[in-house]
Amino acid sequence: MSDTVRFERSHDILIAAPPAAVLDYVSNPNSWPEWMPASHHIDSPDRPLQIGEGFTERWGTSRGEVRLDWRVTERDHPHRWVARAETDFLGPIVARYTVEEVAGGSRYTRTILNPARPKAPTPAIVQRVDDEAAVCLANIKNAVERRAAAGSRAAETDVGR
């Protein structure tokens, strides 16, 4: 077996919404194209996925579009969700989403892990991962906070009736 390299990057953001709202949004793969520029198409039920469920993603890379077949390996609602895809070009890819309750909402952490990458990423690749993560987190924050605000307005309207 050839030598491989473990690569892991984590990024987090504060979101003014309860943990369940955050985890439900990011663990529904159909939301991914809304917040992740590299995610072009998802074939999945339109809901948060549970342990053992799978889905397919078409993902854009510098090499063109690739197909990733994901399987959910962990779910501890509303705190943790993990999915794994096997690839022939990067080895396994693991997406781990964790949410913790904090004052004013939630701290969402997105970790991307390649436990057996064929070679170490270049500094340019690491920078690209970090730049993409910043875009993803901002998009998630905006979408979840917008949905939470809409839900609050709807609840206030129902109470006023």
N, C-alpha and C. Protein backbone atom coordinates (compact mmCIF):
# COMPACT_ATOMS: atom_id res chain seq x y z
N MET A 1 0.85 -1.19 0.00
CA MET A 1 0.00 0.00 0.00
C MET A 1 0.89 1.24 0.00
N SER A 2 0.51 2.24 -0.77
CA SER A 2 1.31 3.45 -0.86
C SER A 2 1.10 4.33 0.38
N ASP A 3 2.06 5.19 0.60
CA ASP A 3 1.95 6.14 1.70
C ASP A 3 0.87 7.16 1.40
N THR A 4 0.16 7.56 2.43
CA THR A 4 -0.88 8.58 2.30
C THR A 4 -0.67 9.64 3.37
N VAL A 5 -1.41 10.72 3.23
CA VAL A 5 -1.31 11.85 4.15
C VAL A 5 -2.71 12.15 4.69
N ARG A 6 -2.80 12.40 5.97
CA ARG A 6 -4.07 12.84 6.58
C ARG A 6 -4.16 14.36 6.42
N PHE A 7 -5.30 14.81 5.93
CA PHE A 7 -5.54 16.25 5.76
C PHE A 7 -6.87 16.59 6.40
N GLU A 8 -6.89 17.62 7.23
CA GLU A 8 -8.11 18.01 7.93
C GLU A 8 -8.13 19.52 8.08
N ARG A 9 -9.28 20.11 7.78
CA ARG A 9 -9.47 21.55 7.98
C ARG A 9 -10.83 21.76 8.63
N SER A 10 -10.86 22.58 9.68
CA SER A 10 -12.10 22.93 10.37
C SER A 10 -12.28 24.44 10.34
N HIS A 11 -13.52 24.85 10.17
CA HIS A 11 -13.88 26.26 10.16
C HIS A 11 -15.20 26.40 10.90
N ASP A 12 -15.37 27.50 11.63
CA ASP A 12 -16.61 27.65 12.38
C ASP A 12 -17.15 29.07 12.27
N ILE A 13 -18.42 29.20 12.64
CA ILE A 13 -19.11 30.49 12.59
C ILE A 13 -20.23 30.48 13.62
N LEU A 14 -20.54 31.67 14.15
CA LEU A 14 -21.68 31.82 15.05
C LEU A 14 -22.93 32.12 14.21
N ILE A 15 -24.01 31.45 14.54
CA ILE A 15 -25.27 31.61 13.81
C ILE A 15 -26.38 31.88 14.83
N ALA A 16 -27.15 32.92 14.59
CA ALA A 16 -28.24 33.31 15.49
C ALA A 16 -29.47 32.45 15.19
N ALA A 17 -29.37 31.20 15.60
CA ALA A 17 -30.47 30.24 15.41
C ALA A 17 -30.20 29.06 16.34
N PRO A 18 -31.23 28.30 16.69
CA PRO A 18 -31.03 27.14 17.54
C PRO A 18 -30.24 26.04 16.81
N PRO A 19 -29.52 25.19 17.57
CA PRO A 19 -28.73 24.13 16.95
C PRO A 19 -29.53 23.24 16.00
N ALA A 20 -30.74 22.89 16.34
CA ALA A 20 -31.53 22.01 15.46
C ALA A 20 -31.76 22.64 14.10
N ALA A 21 -32.00 23.95 14.06
CA ALA A 21 -32.23 24.63 12.78
C ALA A 21 -30.97 24.59 11.92
N VAL A 22 -29.81 24.75 12.56
CA VAL A 22 -28.54 24.73 11.83
C VAL A 22 -28.29 23.32 11.30
N LEU A 23 -28.36 22.31 12.17
CA LEU A 23 -28.04 20.95 11.75
C LEU A 23 -29.04 20.43 10.72
N ASP A 24 -30.31 20.76 10.90
CA ASP A 24 -31.31 20.30 9.92
C ASP A 24 -31.01 20.88 8.54
N TYR A 25 -30.57 22.12 8.48
CA TYR A 25 -30.27 22.75 7.20
C TYR A 25 -29.06 22.09 6.53
N VAL A 26 -27.95 21.98 7.24
CA VAL A 26 -26.72 21.47 6.60
C VAL A 26 -26.76 19.96 6.38
N SER A 27 -27.57 19.22 7.15
CA SER A 27 -27.64 17.77 6.96
C SER A 27 -28.70 17.36 5.94
N ASN A 28 -29.31 18.34 5.30
CA ASN A 28 -30.17 18.09 4.13
C ASN A 28 -29.29 18.37 2.92
N PRO A 29 -28.77 17.34 2.26
CA PRO A 29 -27.86 17.57 1.14
C PRO A 29 -28.43 18.45 0.03
N ASN A 30 -29.76 18.53 -0.08
CA ASN A 30 -30.34 19.40 -1.10
C ASN A 30 -30.04 20.87 -0.85
N SER A 31 -29.65 21.22 0.37
CA SER A 31 -29.26 22.61 0.65
C SER A 31 -27.83 22.90 0.16
N TRP A 32 -27.02 21.88 -0.05
CA TRP A 32 -25.61 22.11 -0.36
C TRP A 32 -25.36 23.03 -1.55
N PRO A 33 -26.05 22.86 -2.67
CA PRO A 33 -25.80 23.78 -3.79
C PRO A 33 -26.14 25.25 -3.46
N GLU A 34 -26.99 25.47 -2.44
CA GLU A 34 -27.31 26.84 -2.03
C GLU A 34 -26.12 27.51 -1.36
N TRP A 35 -25.30 26.74 -0.67
CA TRP A 35 -24.22 27.36 0.11
C TRP A 35 -22.82 26.93 -0.30
N MET A 36 -22.70 25.89 -1.10
CA MET A 36 -21.38 25.40 -1.49
C MET A 36 -21.21 25.54 -3.01
N PRO A 37 -20.38 26.49 -3.45
CA PRO A 37 -20.22 26.72 -4.89
C PRO A 37 -19.80 25.48 -5.69
N ALA A 38 -19.02 24.59 -5.11
CA ALA A 38 -18.52 23.41 -5.84
C ALA A 38 -19.59 22.33 -6.01
N SER A 39 -20.66 22.40 -5.23
CA SER A 39 -21.72 21.40 -5.30
C SER A 39 -22.72 21.79 -6.38
N HIS A 40 -22.73 21.03 -7.47
CA HIS A 40 -23.55 21.40 -8.63
C HIS A 40 -24.93 20.77 -8.64
N HIS A 41 -25.05 19.55 -8.13
CA HIS A 41 -26.34 18.86 -8.16
C HIS A 41 -26.34 17.77 -7.09
N ILE A 42 -27.48 17.59 -6.46
CA ILE A 42 -27.65 16.56 -5.43
C ILE A 42 -28.82 15.66 -5.82
N ASP A 43 -28.63 14.35 -5.66
CA ASP A 43 -29.71 13.39 -5.82
C ASP A 43 -29.95 12.78 -4.45
N SER A 44 -31.00 13.28 -3.76
CA SER A 44 -31.25 12.89 -2.38
C SER A 44 -32.68 13.26 -2.01
N PRO A 45 -33.25 12.57 -1.02
CA PRO A 45 -34.51 13.05 -0.47
C PRO A 45 -34.30 14.48 0.07
N ASP A 46 -35.33 15.30 -0.01
CA ASP A 46 -35.23 16.70 0.42
C ASP A 46 -35.57 16.83 1.91
N ARG A 47 -34.63 16.36 2.72
CA ARG A 47 -34.80 16.39 4.19
C ARG A 47 -33.46 16.07 4.81
N PRO A 48 -33.28 16.33 6.11
CA PRO A 48 -32.05 15.91 6.78
C PRO A 48 -31.94 14.38 6.72
N LEU A 49 -30.74 13.90 6.41
CA LEU A 49 -30.56 12.46 6.26
C LEU A 49 -30.10 11.82 7.56
N GLN A 50 -30.46 10.55 7.70
CA GLN A 50 -30.18 9.77 8.90
C GLN A 50 -29.02 8.80 8.65
N ILE A 51 -28.53 8.19 9.72
CA ILE A 51 -27.44 7.20 9.63
C ILE A 51 -27.83 6.10 8.63
N GLY A 52 -26.89 5.77 7.75
CA GLY A 52 -27.09 4.71 6.78
C GLY A 52 -27.65 5.17 5.44
N GLU A 53 -28.24 6.36 5.41
CA GLU A 53 -28.80 6.85 4.15
C GLU A 53 -27.68 7.37 3.26
N GLY A 54 -27.90 7.29 1.95
CA GLY A 54 -26.91 7.75 0.99
C GLY A 54 -27.48 8.78 0.04
N PHE A 55 -26.57 9.48 -0.62
CA PHE A 55 -26.95 10.45 -1.64
C PHE A 55 -25.79 10.65 -2.60
N THR A 56 -26.10 11.22 -3.75
CA THR A 56 -25.09 11.47 -4.77
C THR A 56 -24.95 12.97 -5.00
N GLU A 57 -23.71 13.40 -5.12
CA GLU A 57 -23.41 14.81 -5.38
C GLU A 57 -22.56 14.91 -6.64
N ARG A 58 -22.88 15.87 -7.49
CA ARG A 58 -21.98 16.23 -8.59
C ARG A 58 -21.23 17.46 -8.12
N TRP A 59 -19.92 17.33 -8.13
CA TRP A 59 -19.04 18.30 -7.50
C TRP A 59 -18.03 18.80 -8.51
N GLY A 60 -17.87 20.11 -8.60
CA GLY A 60 -16.93 20.71 -9.54
C GLY A 60 -15.53 20.79 -8.97
N THR A 61 -14.55 20.35 -9.74
CA THR A 61 -13.14 20.43 -9.34
C THR A 61 -12.35 21.08 -10.47
N SER A 62 -11.09 21.30 -10.21
CA SER A 62 -10.22 21.84 -11.27
C SER A 62 -10.10 20.85 -12.43
N ARG A 63 -10.42 19.59 -12.18
CA ARG A 63 -10.38 18.54 -13.22
C ARG A 63 -11.72 18.39 -13.96
N GLY A 64 -12.70 19.15 -13.56
CA GLY A 64 -14.04 19.00 -14.12
C GLY A 64 -15.00 18.51 -13.06
N GLU A 65 -16.14 18.03 -13.48
CA GLU A 65 -17.16 17.57 -12.55
C GLU A 65 -16.94 16.10 -12.21
N VAL A 66 -17.08 15.77 -10.92
CA VAL A 66 -16.98 14.39 -10.47
C VAL A 66 -18.25 14.02 -9.70
N ARG A 67 -18.49 12.74 -9.61
CA ARG A 67 -19.63 12.22 -8.86
C ARG A 67 -19.12 11.68 -7.53
N LEU A 68 -19.76 12.11 -6.46
CA LEU A 68 -19.44 11.61 -5.12
C LEU A 68 -20.65 10.88 -4.58
N ASP A 69 -20.45 9.65 -4.15
CA ASP A 69 -21.51 8.87 -3.52
C ASP A 69 -21.26 8.88 -2.01
N TRP A 70 -22.11 9.60 -1.30
CA TRP A 70 -21.98 9.81 0.13
C TRP A 70 -22.84 8.82 0.91
N ARG A 71 -22.41 8.49 2.12
CA ARG A 71 -23.18 7.68 3.06
C ARG A 71 -23.09 8.37 4.42
N VAL A 72 -24.24 8.56 5.08
CA VAL A 72 -24.26 9.16 6.42
C VAL A 72 -23.79 8.11 7.41
N THR A 73 -22.75 8.46 8.18
CA THR A 73 -22.17 7.50 9.12
C THR A 73 -22.48 7.83 10.58
N GLU A 74 -22.85 9.08 10.87
CA GLU A 74 -23.18 9.48 12.24
C GLU A 74 -24.25 10.55 12.21
N ARG A 75 -25.11 10.52 13.22
CA ARG A 75 -26.07 11.60 13.43
C ARG A 75 -26.45 11.59 14.90
N ASP A 76 -26.19 12.70 15.55
CA ASP A 76 -26.57 12.92 16.94
C ASP A 76 -27.29 14.27 16.96
N HIS A 77 -28.58 14.23 16.67
CA HIS A 77 -29.36 15.46 16.52
C HIS A 77 -29.54 16.15 17.86
N PRO A 78 -29.31 17.42 18.00
CA PRO A 78 -28.97 18.43 16.99
C PRO A 78 -27.49 18.83 16.99
N HIS A 79 -26.61 17.90 17.38
CA HIS A 79 -25.22 18.30 17.59
C HIS A 79 -24.20 17.84 16.56
N ARG A 80 -24.48 16.73 15.86
CA ARG A 80 -23.42 16.18 15.01
C ARG A 80 -24.02 15.40 13.84
N TRP A 81 -23.35 15.54 12.68
CA TRP A 81 -23.73 14.80 11.47
C TRP A 81 -22.46 14.55 10.68
N VAL A 82 -22.26 13.30 10.24
CA VAL A 82 -21.04 12.94 9.51
C VAL A 82 -21.44 12.10 8.30
N ALA A 83 -20.82 12.42 7.16
CA ALA A 83 -21.01 11.63 5.94
C ALA A 83 -19.65 11.38 5.31
N ARG A 84 -19.57 10.27 4.57
CA ARG A 84 -18.30 9.85 3.97
C ARG A 84 -18.51 9.46 2.51
N ALA A 85 -17.57 9.86 1.68
CA ALA A 85 -17.57 9.48 0.27
C ALA A 85 -16.20 8.87 -0.05
N GLU A 86 -16.21 7.81 -0.83
CA GLU A 86 -14.96 7.19 -1.29
C GLU A 86 -14.64 7.76 -2.67
N THR A 87 -13.40 8.16 -2.89
CA THR A 87 -13.00 8.65 -4.20
C THR A 87 -11.71 7.98 -4.63
N ASP A 88 -11.48 7.93 -5.94
CA ASP A 88 -10.23 7.37 -6.43
C ASP A 88 -9.16 8.46 -6.61
N PHE A 89 -9.54 9.72 -6.47
CA PHE A 89 -8.58 10.80 -6.69
C PHE A 89 -8.08 11.45 -5.40
N LEU A 90 -8.86 11.41 -4.31
CA LEU A 90 -8.44 11.98 -3.03
C LEU A 90 -8.48 10.98 -1.89
N GLY A 91 -8.88 9.78 -2.17
CA GLY A 91 -9.14 8.85 -1.08
C GLY A 91 -10.47 9.20 -0.44
N PRO A 92 -10.75 8.68 0.74
CA PRO A 92 -12.03 9.00 1.38
C PRO A 92 -12.13 10.49 1.72
N ILE A 93 -13.35 11.02 1.61
CA ILE A 93 -13.65 12.38 2.05
C ILE A 93 -14.70 12.26 3.15
N VAL A 94 -14.46 12.91 4.27
CA VAL A 94 -15.40 12.90 5.39
C VAL A 94 -15.83 14.34 5.65
N ALA A 95 -17.14 14.56 5.67
CA ALA A 95 -17.71 15.86 6.04
C ALA A 95 -18.32 15.70 7.42
N ARG A 96 -17.81 16.47 8.38
CA ARG A 96 -18.31 16.40 9.77
C ARG A 96 -18.84 17.77 10.16
N TYR A 97 -20.11 17.81 10.53
CA TYR A 97 -20.76 19.05 10.93
C TYR A 97 -21.13 18.94 12.40
N THR A 98 -20.67 19.87 13.21
CA THR A 98 -21.01 19.88 14.63
C THR A 98 -21.63 21.23 14.98
N VAL A 99 -22.56 21.19 15.93
CA VAL A 99 -23.25 22.40 16.35
C VAL A 99 -23.33 22.38 17.87
N GLU A 100 -22.93 23.50 18.47
CA GLU A 100 -23.07 23.62 19.92
C GLU A 100 -23.86 24.88 20.24
N GLU A 101 -24.69 24.78 21.26
CA GLU A 101 -25.46 25.93 21.68
C GLU A 101 -24.56 26.91 22.40
N VAL A 102 -24.65 28.18 22.03
CA VAL A 102 -23.91 29.26 22.69
C VAL A 102 -24.88 30.40 22.92
N ALA A 103 -24.46 31.38 23.73
CA ALA A 103 -25.31 32.54 23.96
C ALA A 103 -25.66 33.19 22.63
N GLY A 104 -26.94 33.37 22.39
CA GLY A 104 -27.39 34.01 21.17
C GLY A 104 -27.57 33.09 19.99
N GLY A 105 -27.34 31.79 20.16
CA GLY A 105 -27.54 30.89 19.04
C GLY A 105 -26.67 29.66 19.07
N SER A 106 -25.90 29.47 17.98
CA SER A 106 -25.13 28.23 17.81
C SER A 106 -23.76 28.53 17.22
N ARG A 107 -22.81 27.69 17.59
CA ARG A 107 -21.51 27.68 16.91
C ARG A 107 -21.52 26.45 16.01
N TYR A 108 -21.44 26.70 14.72
CA TYR A 108 -21.41 25.64 13.71
C TYR A 108 -19.98 25.45 13.25
N THR A 109 -19.52 24.19 13.27
CA THR A 109 -18.17 23.86 12.80
C THR A 109 -18.29 22.86 11.67
N ARG A 110 -17.65 23.19 10.58
CA ARG A 110 -17.60 22.32 9.40
C ARG A 110 -16.17 21.82 9.26
N THR A 111 -16.01 20.50 9.34
CA THR A 111 -14.69 19.88 9.20
C THR A 111 -14.70 18.99 7.97
N ILE A 112 -13.71 19.19 7.13
CA ILE A 112 -13.51 18.34 5.97
C ILE A 112 -12.22 17.57 6.20
N LEU A 113 -12.30 16.26 6.03
CA LEU A 113 -11.17 15.39 6.35
C LEU A 113 -10.91 14.44 5.19
N ASN A 114 -9.65 14.33 4.83
CA ASN A 114 -9.19 13.28 3.92
C ASN A 114 -8.24 12.42 4.75
N PRO A 115 -8.70 11.30 5.29
CA PRO A 115 -7.85 10.51 6.18
C PRO A 115 -6.70 9.80 5.46
N ALA A 116 -6.80 9.61 4.15
CA ALA A 116 -5.76 8.89 3.41
C ALA A 116 -5.56 9.53 2.04
N ARG A 117 -5.21 10.79 2.05
CA ARG A 117 -4.99 11.53 0.80
C ARG A 117 -3.71 11.01 0.14
N PRO A 118 -3.70 10.85 -1.19
CA PRO A 118 -2.53 10.30 -1.88
C PRO A 118 -1.26 11.15 -1.70
N LYS A 119 -1.44 12.48 -1.60
CA LYS A 119 -0.27 13.35 -1.36
C LYS A 119 -0.72 14.59 -0.62
N ALA A 120 0.23 15.25 0.01
CA ALA A 120 -0.09 16.45 0.79
C ALA A 120 -0.58 17.56 -0.13
N PRO A 121 -1.55 18.33 0.33
CA PRO A 121 -2.02 19.46 -0.48
C PRO A 121 -0.96 20.57 -0.51
N THR A 122 -0.94 21.28 -1.60
CA THR A 122 -0.03 22.43 -1.70
C THR A 122 -0.60 23.58 -0.87
N PRO A 123 0.23 24.58 -0.55
CA PRO A 123 -0.30 25.76 0.14
C PRO A 123 -1.45 26.43 -0.64
N ALA A 124 -1.38 26.41 -1.95
CA ALA A 124 -2.46 26.99 -2.77
C ALA A 124 -3.77 26.22 -2.58
N ILE A 125 -3.69 24.91 -2.49
CA ILE A 125 -4.89 24.10 -2.28
C ILE A 125 -5.48 24.38 -0.90
N VAL A 126 -4.62 24.46 0.11
CA VAL A 126 -5.09 24.76 1.47
C VAL A 126 -5.78 26.13 1.49
N GLN A 127 -5.20 27.11 0.80
CA GLN A 127 -5.81 28.44 0.74
C GLN A 127 -7.16 28.38 0.04
N ARG A 128 -7.26 27.59 -1.02
CA ARG A 128 -8.53 27.43 -1.74
C ARG A 128 -9.59 26.80 -0.84
N VAL A 129 -9.18 25.80 -0.05
CA VAL A 129 -10.10 25.16 0.90
C VAL A 129 -10.59 26.20 1.91
N ASP A 130 -9.66 26.99 2.45
CA ASP A 130 -10.03 28.00 3.44
C ASP A 130 -10.94 29.08 2.84
N ASP A 131 -10.63 29.51 1.62
CA ASP A 131 -11.45 30.53 0.96
C ASP A 131 -12.86 30.01 0.69
N GLU A 132 -12.94 28.76 0.20
CA GLU A 132 -14.25 28.18 -0.05
C GLU A 132 -15.03 28.02 1.24
N ALA A 133 -14.35 27.63 2.32
CA ALA A 133 -15.03 27.46 3.61
C ALA A 133 -15.62 28.78 4.08
N ALA A 134 -14.90 29.88 3.90
CA ALA A 134 -15.42 31.19 4.31
C ALA A 134 -16.71 31.52 3.56
N VAL A 135 -16.75 31.23 2.27
CA VAL A 135 -17.96 31.46 1.47
C VAL A 135 -19.09 30.55 1.96
N CYS A 136 -18.78 29.27 2.15
CA CYS A 136 -19.79 28.31 2.61
C CYS A 136 -20.40 28.73 3.95
N LEU A 137 -19.54 29.08 4.91
CA LEU A 137 -20.05 29.44 6.24
C LEU A 137 -20.91 30.70 6.19
N ALA A 138 -20.49 31.69 5.42
CA ALA A 138 -21.30 32.91 5.29
C ALA A 138 -22.65 32.59 4.66
N ASN A 139 -22.66 31.74 3.64
CA ASN A 139 -23.92 31.36 3.00
C ASN A 139 -24.83 30.59 3.95
N ILE A 140 -24.26 29.68 4.74
CA ILE A 140 -25.05 28.92 5.72
C ILE A 140 -25.65 29.86 6.75
N LYS A 141 -24.81 30.73 7.30
CA LYS A 141 -25.28 31.70 8.31
C LYS A 141 -26.44 32.51 7.76
N ASN A 142 -26.28 33.06 6.57
CA ASN A 142 -27.34 33.89 5.98
C ASN A 142 -28.62 33.08 5.78
N ALA A 143 -28.52 31.89 5.23
CA ALA A 143 -29.71 31.08 4.96
C ALA A 143 -30.42 30.66 6.24
N VAL A 144 -29.67 30.17 7.22
CA VAL A 144 -30.29 29.70 8.46
C VAL A 144 -30.90 30.86 9.25
N GLU A 145 -30.19 31.98 9.33
CA GLU A 145 -30.73 33.12 10.07
C GLU A 145 -31.96 33.69 9.37
N ARG A 146 -31.97 33.70 8.05
CA ARG A 146 -33.13 34.18 7.29
C ARG A 146 -34.33 33.27 7.57
N ARG A 147 -34.10 31.95 7.55
CA ARG A 147 -35.19 31.00 7.82
C ARG A 147 -35.69 31.12 9.26
N ALA A 148 -34.76 31.30 10.21
CA ALA A 148 -35.15 31.43 11.62
C ALA A 148 -35.97 32.70 11.82
N ALA A 149 -35.58 33.79 11.16
CA ALA A 149 -36.33 35.04 11.28
C ALA A 149 -37.72 34.89 10.66
N ALA A 150 -37.81 34.22 9.52
CA ALA A 150 -39.11 34.00 8.88
C ALA A 150 -39.99 33.14 9.77
N GLY A 151 -39.42 32.13 10.42
CA GLY A 151 -40.18 31.28 11.33
C GLY A 151 -40.67 32.06 12.53
N SER A 152 -39.86 32.97 13.04
CA SER A 152 -40.26 33.80 14.18
C SER A 152 -41.40 34.73 13.80
N ARG A 153 -41.30 35.33 12.60
CA ARG A 153 -42.38 36.22 12.14
C ARG A 153 -43.68 35.44 11.97
N ALA A 154 -43.60 34.22 11.43
CA ALA A 154 -44.79 33.40 11.25
C ALA A 154 -45.41 33.04 12.59
N ALA A 155 -44.56 32.71 13.57
CA ALA A 155 -45.07 32.37 14.90
C ALA A 155 -45.73 33.57 15.56
N GLU A 156 -45.16 34.77 15.40
CA GLU A 156 -45.76 35.98 15.96
C GLU A 156 -47.10 36.25 15.32
N THR A 157 -47.24 36.02 14.03
CA THR A 157 -48.50 36.24 13.32
C THR A 157 -49.55 35.26 13.83
N ASP A 158 -49.16 34.00 14.06
CA ASP A 158 -50.11 33.00 14.57
C ASP A 158 -50.59 33.36 15.97
N VAL A 159 -49.69 33.90 16.81
CA VAL A 159 -50.06 34.27 18.17
C VAL A 159 -51.04 35.44 18.16
N GLY A 160 -50.87 36.35 17.19
CA GLY A 160 -51.72 37.52 17.10
C GLY A 160 -53.11 37.25 16.56
N ARG A 161 -53.38 36.04 16.11
CA ARG A 161 -54.69 35.71 15.54
C ARG A 161 -55.69 35.33 16.59
